[in-house]
Every structure is written in C-alpha cells, then in structure tokens.
Amino acid sequence: MAMLQVIASGLAGVERLEFHSVGTAGREAFDSALRLIEEDLGVVDAGARALARRIAVMGFEWGTSDGN
C-alpha cells in the first residue's frame, strides 16, 4: 500500500507526501517501498501503463486485512 501511495502521489505531481505509520514495522514497510521504487522500478518516465506492467511482473499478492 505504501508503494502505491508513493507512486500515485508522484504521478499526480504531489511535491510532498505525509506518510504516517504505526511503529517500526510501518516505517520498515515504507522504506522497503521506497527502495523498490528507486531500485527495481527506476525512474517513472514511461507512464502509468508501463509502470503498472512493471509492478505486475513483480508478483505481489494481497495480504490479510488488519481491519483498516
């Protein structure tokens, strides 16, 4: 979810994103998302459709809801 929020805000031209997480696990998830975006997806110049394809091939799966 963190990765989607960061990517969506970037595509929308948002200059600053406030991300609130609960505890260390939330911060680690956010940091992991940033690393994936920067290292595995590279610069997002190809547009939303190409970016969606890149994310799809990464094979993410839905987790279990925590009720939020």
PDB file of N, CA and C in Angstrom:
ATOM      1  N   MET A   1       0.824  -1.179   0.000  1.00  0.00           N
ATOM      2  CA  MET A   1       0.000   0.000   0.000  1.00  0.00           C
ATOM      3  C   MET A   1       0.880   1.259   0.000  1.00  0.00           C
ATOM      4  N   ALA A   2       1.954   1.200   0.741  1.00  0.00           N
ATOM      5  CA  ALA A   2       2.852   2.351   0.783  1.00  0.00           C
ATOM      6  C   ALA A   2       3.400   2.653  -0.601  1.00  0.00           C
ATOM      7  N   MET A   3       3.794   1.603  -1.320  1.00  0.00           N
ATOM      8  CA  MET A   3       4.340   1.793  -2.659  1.00  0.00           C
ATOM      9  C   MET A   3       3.303   2.433  -3.577  1.00  0.00           C
ATOM     10  N   LEU A   4       2.060   1.976  -3.509  1.00  0.00           N
ATOM     11  CA  LEU A   4       1.010   2.550  -4.343  1.00  0.00           C
ATOM     12  C   LEU A   4       0.786   4.028  -4.026  1.00  0.00           C
ATOM     13  N   GLN A   5       0.815   4.377  -2.756  1.00  0.00           N
ATOM     14  CA  GLN A   5       0.608   5.770  -2.379  1.00  0.00           C
ATOM     15  C   GLN A   5       1.749   6.672  -2.861  1.00  0.00           C
ATOM     16  N   VAL A   6       2.964   6.183  -2.742  1.00  0.00           N
ATOM     17  CA  VAL A   6       4.116   6.971  -3.197  1.00  0.00           C
ATOM     18  C   VAL A   6       4.077   7.147  -4.713  1.00  0.00           C
ATOM     19  N   ILE A   7       3.797   6.071  -5.437  1.00  0.00           N
ATOM     20  CA  ILE A   7       3.737   6.150  -6.900  1.00  0.00           C
ATOM     21  C   ILE A   7       2.598   7.059  -7.347  1.00  0.00           C
ATOM     22  N   ALA A   8       1.417   6.886  -6.752  1.00  0.00           N
ATOM     23  CA  ALA A   8       0.256   7.698  -7.134  1.00  0.00           C
ATOM     24  C   ALA A   8       0.508   9.172  -6.873  1.00  0.00           C
ATOM     25  N   SER A   9       1.122   9.493  -5.745  1.00  0.00           N
ATOM     26  CA  SER A   9       1.392  10.899  -5.455  1.00  0.00           C
ATOM     27  C   SER A   9       2.413  11.469  -6.436  1.00  0.00           C
ATOM     28  N   GLY A  10       3.399  10.670  -6.828  1.00  0.00           N
ATOM     29  CA  GLY A  10       4.384  11.122  -7.806  1.00  0.00           C
ATOM     30  C   GLY A  10       3.767  11.365  -9.173  1.00  0.00           C
ATOM     31  N   LEU A  11       2.904  10.425  -9.615  1.00  0.00           N
ATOM     32  CA  LEU A  11       2.244  10.596 -10.908  1.00  0.00           C
ATOM     33  C   LEU A  11       1.295  11.787 -10.904  1.00  0.00           C
ATOM     34  N   ALA A  12       0.740  12.108  -9.731  1.00  0.00           N
ATOM     35  CA  ALA A  12      -0.179  13.241  -9.619  1.00  0.00           C
ATOM     36  C   ALA A  12       0.548  14.570  -9.460  1.00  0.00           C
ATOM     37  N   GLY A  13       1.872  14.527  -9.348  1.00  0.00           N
ATOM     38  CA  GLY A  13       2.646  15.756  -9.224  1.00  0.00           C
ATOM     39  C   GLY A  13       2.695  16.325  -7.820  1.00  0.00           C
ATOM     40  N   VAL A  14       2.371  15.503  -6.826  1.00  0.00           N
ATOM     41  CA  VAL A  14       2.421  15.950  -5.432  1.00  0.00           C
ATOM     42  C   VAL A  14       3.877  16.155  -5.043  1.00  0.00           C
ATOM     43  N   GLU A  15       4.193  17.319  -4.497  1.00  0.00           N
ATOM     44  CA  GLU A  15       5.575  17.623  -4.158  1.00  0.00           C
ATOM     45  C   GLU A  15       5.986  17.092  -2.795  1.00  0.00           C
ATOM     46  N   ARG A  16       5.013  16.926  -1.894  1.00  0.00           N
ATOM     47  CA  ARG A  16       5.336  16.449  -0.554  1.00  0.00           C
ATOM     48  C   ARG A  16       4.256  15.477  -0.100  1.00  0.00           C
ATOM     49  N   LEU A  17       4.688  14.329   0.387  1.00  0.00           N
ATOM     50  CA  LEU A  17       3.769  13.302   0.857  1.00  0.00           C
ATOM     51  C   LEU A  17       3.996  13.085   2.345  1.00  0.00           C
ATOM     52  N   GLU A  18       2.948  13.214   3.127  1.00  0.00           N
ATOM     53  CA  GLU A  18       2.999  12.922   4.559  1.00  0.00           C
ATOM     54  C   GLU A  18       2.524  11.489   4.730  1.00  0.00           C
ATOM     55  N   PHE A  19       3.384  10.619   5.213  1.00  0.00           N
ATOM     56  CA  PHE A  19       3.025   9.221   5.394  1.00  0.00           C
ATOM     57  C   PHE A  19       3.133   8.890   6.869  1.00  0.00           C
ATOM     58  N   HIS A  20       2.038   8.482   7.459  1.00  0.00           N
ATOM     59  CA  HIS A  20       2.020   8.127   8.880  1.00  0.00           C
ATOM     60  C   HIS A  20       1.954   6.615   9.018  1.00  0.00           C
ATOM     61  N   SER A  21       2.849   6.073   9.814  1.00  0.00           N
ATOM     62  CA  SER A  21       2.859   4.631  10.046  1.00  0.00           C
ATOM     63  C   SER A  21       2.814   4.380  11.551  1.00  0.00           C
ATOM     64  N   VAL A  22       2.412   3.187  11.892  1.00  0.00           N
ATOM     65  CA  VAL A  22       2.336   2.817  13.297  1.00  0.00           C
ATOM     66  C   VAL A  22       3.516   1.921  13.632  1.00  0.00           C
ATOM     67  N   GLY A  23       4.426   2.430  14.391  1.00  0.00           N
ATOM     68  CA  GLY A  23       5.541   1.628  14.855  1.00  0.00           C
ATOM     69  C   GLY A  23       6.614   1.379  13.811  1.00  0.00           C
ATOM     70  N   THR A  24       7.570   0.578  14.220  1.00  0.00           N
ATOM     71  CA  THR A  24       8.734   0.265  13.397  1.00  0.00           C
ATOM     72  C   THR A  24       8.352  -0.523  12.149  1.00  0.00           C
ATOM     73  N   ALA A  25       7.410  -1.440  12.274  1.00  0.00           N
ATOM     74  CA  ALA A  25       7.013  -2.263  11.127  1.00  0.00           C
ATOM     75  C   ALA A  25       6.451  -1.401  10.005  1.00  0.00           C
ATOM     76  N   GLY A  26       5.663  -0.389  10.345  1.00  0.00           N
ATOM     77  CA  GLY A  26       5.113   0.509   9.340  1.00  0.00           C
ATOM     78  C   GLY A  26       6.202   1.311   8.653  1.00  0.00           C
ATOM     79  N   ARG A  27       7.166   1.766   9.415  1.00  0.00           N
ATOM     80  CA  ARG A  27       8.287   2.524   8.848  1.00  0.00           C
ATOM     81  C   ARG A  27       9.128   1.643   7.940  1.00  0.00           C
ATOM     82  N   GLU A  28       9.344   0.395   8.351  1.00  0.00           N
ATOM     83  CA  GLU A  28      10.121  -0.534   7.532  1.00  0.00           C
ATOM     84  C   GLU A  28       9.403  -0.826   6.214  1.00  0.00           C
ATOM     85  N   ALA A  29       8.081  -0.946   6.256  1.00  0.00           N
ATOM     86  CA  ALA A  29       7.309  -1.175   5.027  1.00  0.00           C
ATOM     87  C   ALA A  29       7.441   0.008   4.090  1.00  0.00           C
ATOM     88  N   PHE A  30       7.389   1.216   4.639  1.00  0.00           N
ATOM     89  CA  PHE A  30       7.526   2.418   3.818  1.00  0.00           C
ATOM     90  C   PHE A  30       8.921   2.489   3.205  1.00  0.00           C
ATOM     91  N   ASP A  31       9.949   2.243   4.006  1.00  0.00           N
ATOM     92  CA  ASP A  31      11.329   2.259   3.490  1.00  0.00           C
ATOM     93  C   ASP A  31      11.523   1.208   2.407  1.00  0.00           C
ATOM     94  N   SER A  32      10.940   0.040   2.599  1.00  0.00           N
ATOM     95  CA  SER A  32      11.017  -1.023   1.599  1.00  0.00           C
ATOM     96  C   SER A  32      10.344  -0.588   0.300  1.00  0.00           C
ATOM     97  N   ALA A  33       9.208   0.080   0.426  1.00  0.00           N
ATOM     98  CA  ALA A  33       8.507   0.579  -0.765  1.00  0.00           C
ATOM     99  C   ALA A  33       9.365   1.577  -1.521  1.00  0.00           C
ATOM    100  N   LEU A  34      10.003   2.482  -0.806  1.00  0.00           N
ATOM    101  CA  LEU A  34      10.871   3.468  -1.469  1.00  0.00           C
ATOM    102  C   LEU A  34      12.027   2.793  -2.193  1.00  0.00           C
ATOM    103  N   ARG A  35      12.623   1.772  -1.565  1.00  0.00           N
ATOM    104  CA  ARG A  35      13.716   1.046  -2.218  1.00  0.00           C
ATOM    105  C   ARG A  35      13.228   0.361  -3.495  1.00  0.00           C
ATOM    106  N   LEU A  36      12.065  -0.273  -3.436  1.00  0.00           N
ATOM    107  CA  LEU A  36      11.518  -0.918  -4.634  1.00  0.00           C
ATOM    108  C   LEU A  36      11.309   0.082  -5.754  1.00  0.00           C
ATOM    109  N   ILE A  37      10.774   1.233  -5.413  1.00  0.00           N
ATOM    110  CA  ILE A  37      10.514   2.257  -6.421  1.00  0.00           C
ATOM    111  C   ILE A  37      11.819   2.743  -7.037  1.00  0.00           C
ATOM    112  N   GLU A  38      12.782   3.053  -6.193  1.00  0.00           N
ATOM    113  CA  GLU A  38      14.037   3.631  -6.672  1.00  0.00           C
ATOM    114  C   GLU A  38      14.934   2.617  -7.377  1.00  0.00           C
ATOM    115  N   GLU A  39      15.035   1.396  -6.827  1.00  0.00           N
ATOM    116  CA  GLU A  39      15.990   0.423  -7.347  1.00  0.00           C
ATOM    117  C   GLU A  39      15.399  -0.512  -8.402  1.00  0.00           C
ATOM    118  N   ASP A  40      14.195  -1.007  -8.176  1.00  0.00           N
ATOM    119  CA  ASP A  40      13.630  -2.009  -9.072  1.00  0.00           C
ATOM    120  C   ASP A  40      12.783  -1.419 -10.190  1.00  0.00           C
ATOM    121  N   LEU A  41      12.106  -0.317  -9.908  1.00  0.00           N
ATOM    122  CA  LEU A  41      11.251   0.281 -10.937  1.00  0.00           C
ATOM    123  C   LEU A  41      11.957   1.387 -11.698  1.00  0.00           C
ATOM    124  N   GLY A  42      12.986   1.954 -11.111  1.00  0.00           N
ATOM    125  CA  GLY A  42      13.710   3.031 -11.764  1.00  0.00           C
ATOM    126  C   GLY A  42      12.892   4.306 -11.838  1.00  0.00           C
ATOM    127  N   VAL A  43      13.345   5.215 -12.622  1.00  0.00           N
ATOM    128  CA  VAL A  43      12.649   6.488 -12.796  1.00  0.00           C
ATOM    129  C   VAL A  43      11.347   6.245 -13.535  1.00  0.00           C
ATOM    130  N   VAL A  44      10.290   6.843 -13.069  1.00  0.00           N
ATOM    131  CA  VAL A  44       8.956   6.629 -13.643  1.00  0.00           C
ATOM    132  C   VAL A  44       8.736   7.610 -14.791  1.00  0.00           C
ATOM    133  N   ASP A  45       9.360   7.323 -15.939  1.00  0.00           N
ATOM    134  CA  ASP A  45       9.215   8.176 -17.113  1.00  0.00           C
ATOM    135  C   ASP A  45       8.343   7.536 -18.186  1.00  0.00           C
ATOM    136  N   ALA A  46       8.113   6.241 -18.073  1.00  0.00           N
ATOM    137  CA  ALA A  46       7.428   5.509 -19.137  1.00  0.00           C
ATOM    138  C   ALA A  46       5.915   5.653 -19.090  1.00  0.00           C
ATOM    139  N   GLY A  47       5.386   6.270 -18.072  1.00  0.00           N
ATOM    140  CA  GLY A  47       3.948   6.437 -17.966  1.00  0.00           C
ATOM    141  C   GLY A  47       3.304   5.395 -17.082  1.00  0.00           C
ATOM    142  N   ALA A  48       2.049   5.628 -16.747  1.00  0.00           N
ATOM    143  CA  ALA A  48       1.340   4.785 -15.796  1.00  0.00           C
ATOM    144  C   ALA A  48       1.147   3.362 -16.303  1.00  0.00           C
ATOM    145  N   ARG A  49       0.841   3.196 -17.572  1.00  0.00           N
ATOM    146  CA  ARG A  49       0.588   1.851 -18.106  1.00  0.00           C
ATOM    147  C   ARG A  49       1.850   0.987 -18.042  1.00  0.00           C
ATOM    148  N   ALA A  50       2.978   1.525 -18.453  1.00  0.00           N
ATOM    149  CA  ALA A  50       4.235   0.774 -18.399  1.00  0.00           C
ATOM    150  C   ALA A  50       4.630   0.495 -16.955  1.00  0.00           C
ATOM    151  N   LEU A  51       4.388   1.448 -16.091  1.00  0.00           N
ATOM    152  CA  LEU A  51       4.687   1.259 -14.679  1.00  0.00           C
ATOM    153  C   LEU A  51       3.819   0.139 -14.095  1.00  0.00           C
ATOM    154  N   ALA A  52       2.551   0.110 -14.441  1.00  0.00           N
ATOM    155  CA  ALA A  52       1.651  -0.945 -13.956  1.00  0.00           C
ATOM    156  C   ALA A  52       2.145  -2.317 -14.413  1.00  0.00           C
ATOM    157  N   ARG A  53       2.650  -2.408 -15.635  1.00  0.00           N
ATOM    158  CA  ARG A  53       3.191  -3.686 -16.128  1.00  0.00           C
ATOM    159  C   ARG A  53       4.414  -4.109 -15.323  1.00  0.00           C
ATOM    160  N   ARG A  54       5.295  -3.147 -15.038  1.00  0.00           N
ATOM    161  CA  ARG A  54       6.494  -3.454 -14.251  1.00  0.00           C
ATOM    162  C   ARG A  54       6.121  -3.976 -12.865  1.00  0.00           C
ATOM    163  N   ILE A  55       5.123  -3.352 -12.251  1.00  0.00           N
ATOM    164  CA  ILE A  55       4.689  -3.779 -10.919  1.00  0.00           C
ATOM    165  C   ILE A  55       4.044  -5.156 -10.984  1.00  0.00           C
ATOM    166  N   ALA A  56       3.237  -5.403 -12.008  1.00  0.00           N
ATOM    167  CA  ALA A  56       2.545  -6.687 -12.140  1.00  0.00           C
ATOM    168  C   ALA A  56       3.530  -7.846 -12.227  1.00  0.00           C
ATOM    169  N   VAL A  57       4.630  -7.668 -12.947  1.00  0.00           N
ATOM    170  CA  VAL A  57       5.585  -8.765 -13.093  1.00  0.00           C
ATOM    171  C   VAL A  57       6.360  -9.031 -11.802  1.00  0.00           C
ATOM    172  N   MET A  58       6.266  -8.127 -10.824  1.00  0.00           N
ATOM    173  CA  MET A  58       6.933  -8.336  -9.538  1.00  0.00           C
ATOM    174  C   MET A  58       6.197  -9.382  -8.702  1.00  0.00           C
ATOM    175  N   GLY A  59       4.944  -9.703  -9.068  1.00  0.00           N
ATOM    176  CA  GLY A  59       4.231 -10.794  -8.428  1.00  0.00           C
ATOM    177  C   GLY A  59       3.717 -10.532  -7.025  1.00  0.00           C
ATOM    178  N   PHE A  60       3.388  -9.295  -6.700  1.00  0.00           N
ATOM    179  CA  PHE A  60       2.848  -9.010  -5.378  1.00  0.00           C
ATOM    180  C   PHE A  60       1.523  -9.728  -5.172  1.00  0.00           C
ATOM    181  N   GLU A  61       1.246 -10.124  -3.941  1.00  0.00           N
ATOM    182  CA  GLU A  61      -0.013 -10.764  -3.596  1.00  0.00           C
ATOM    183  C   GLU A  61      -0.671  -9.984  -2.464  1.00  0.00           C
ATOM    184  N   TRP A  62      -2.005 -10.030  -2.446  1.00  0.00           N
ATOM    185  CA  TRP A  62      -2.732  -9.374  -1.357  1.00  0.00           C
ATOM    186  C   TRP A  62      -2.464 -10.109  -0.066  1.00  0.00           C
ATOM    187  N   GLY A  63      -2.282  -9.362   1.004  1.00  0.00           N
ATOM    188  CA  GLY A  63      -2.094  -9.942   2.319  1.00  0.00           C
ATOM    189  C   GLY A  63      -3.432 -10.085   3.030  1.00  0.00           C
ATOM    190  N   THR A  64      -3.356 -10.336   4.305  1.00  0.00           N
ATOM    191  CA  THR A  64      -4.548 -10.458   5.127  1.00  0.00           C
ATOM    192  C   THR A  64      -4.891  -9.106   5.714  1.00  0.00           C
ATOM    193  N   SER A  65      -6.153  -8.748   5.665  1.00  0.00           N
ATOM    194  CA  SER A  65      -6.593  -7.458   6.182  1.00  0.00           C
ATOM    195  C   SER A  65      -6.359  -7.363   7.681  1.00  0.00           C
ATOM    196  N   ASP A  66      -5.953  -6.179   8.123  1.00  0.00           N
ATOM    197  CA  ASP A  66      -5.817  -5.946   9.552  1.00  0.00           C
ATOM    198  C   ASP A  66      -7.011  -5.152  10.097  1.00  0.00           C
ATOM    199  N   GLY A  67      -8.038  -4.998   9.259  1.00  0.00           N
ATOM    200  CA  GLY A  67      -9.254  -4.331   9.698  1.00  0.00           C
ATOM    201  C   GLY A  67      -9.316  -2.850   9.394  1.00  0.00           C
ATOM    202  N   ASN A  68      -8.273  -2.297   8.796  1.00  0.00           N
ATOM    203  CA  ASN A  68      -8.280  -0.864   8.478  1.00  0.00           C
ATOM    204  C   ASN A  68      -8.968  -0.594   7.177  1.00  0.00           C
TER     205      ASN A  68
END
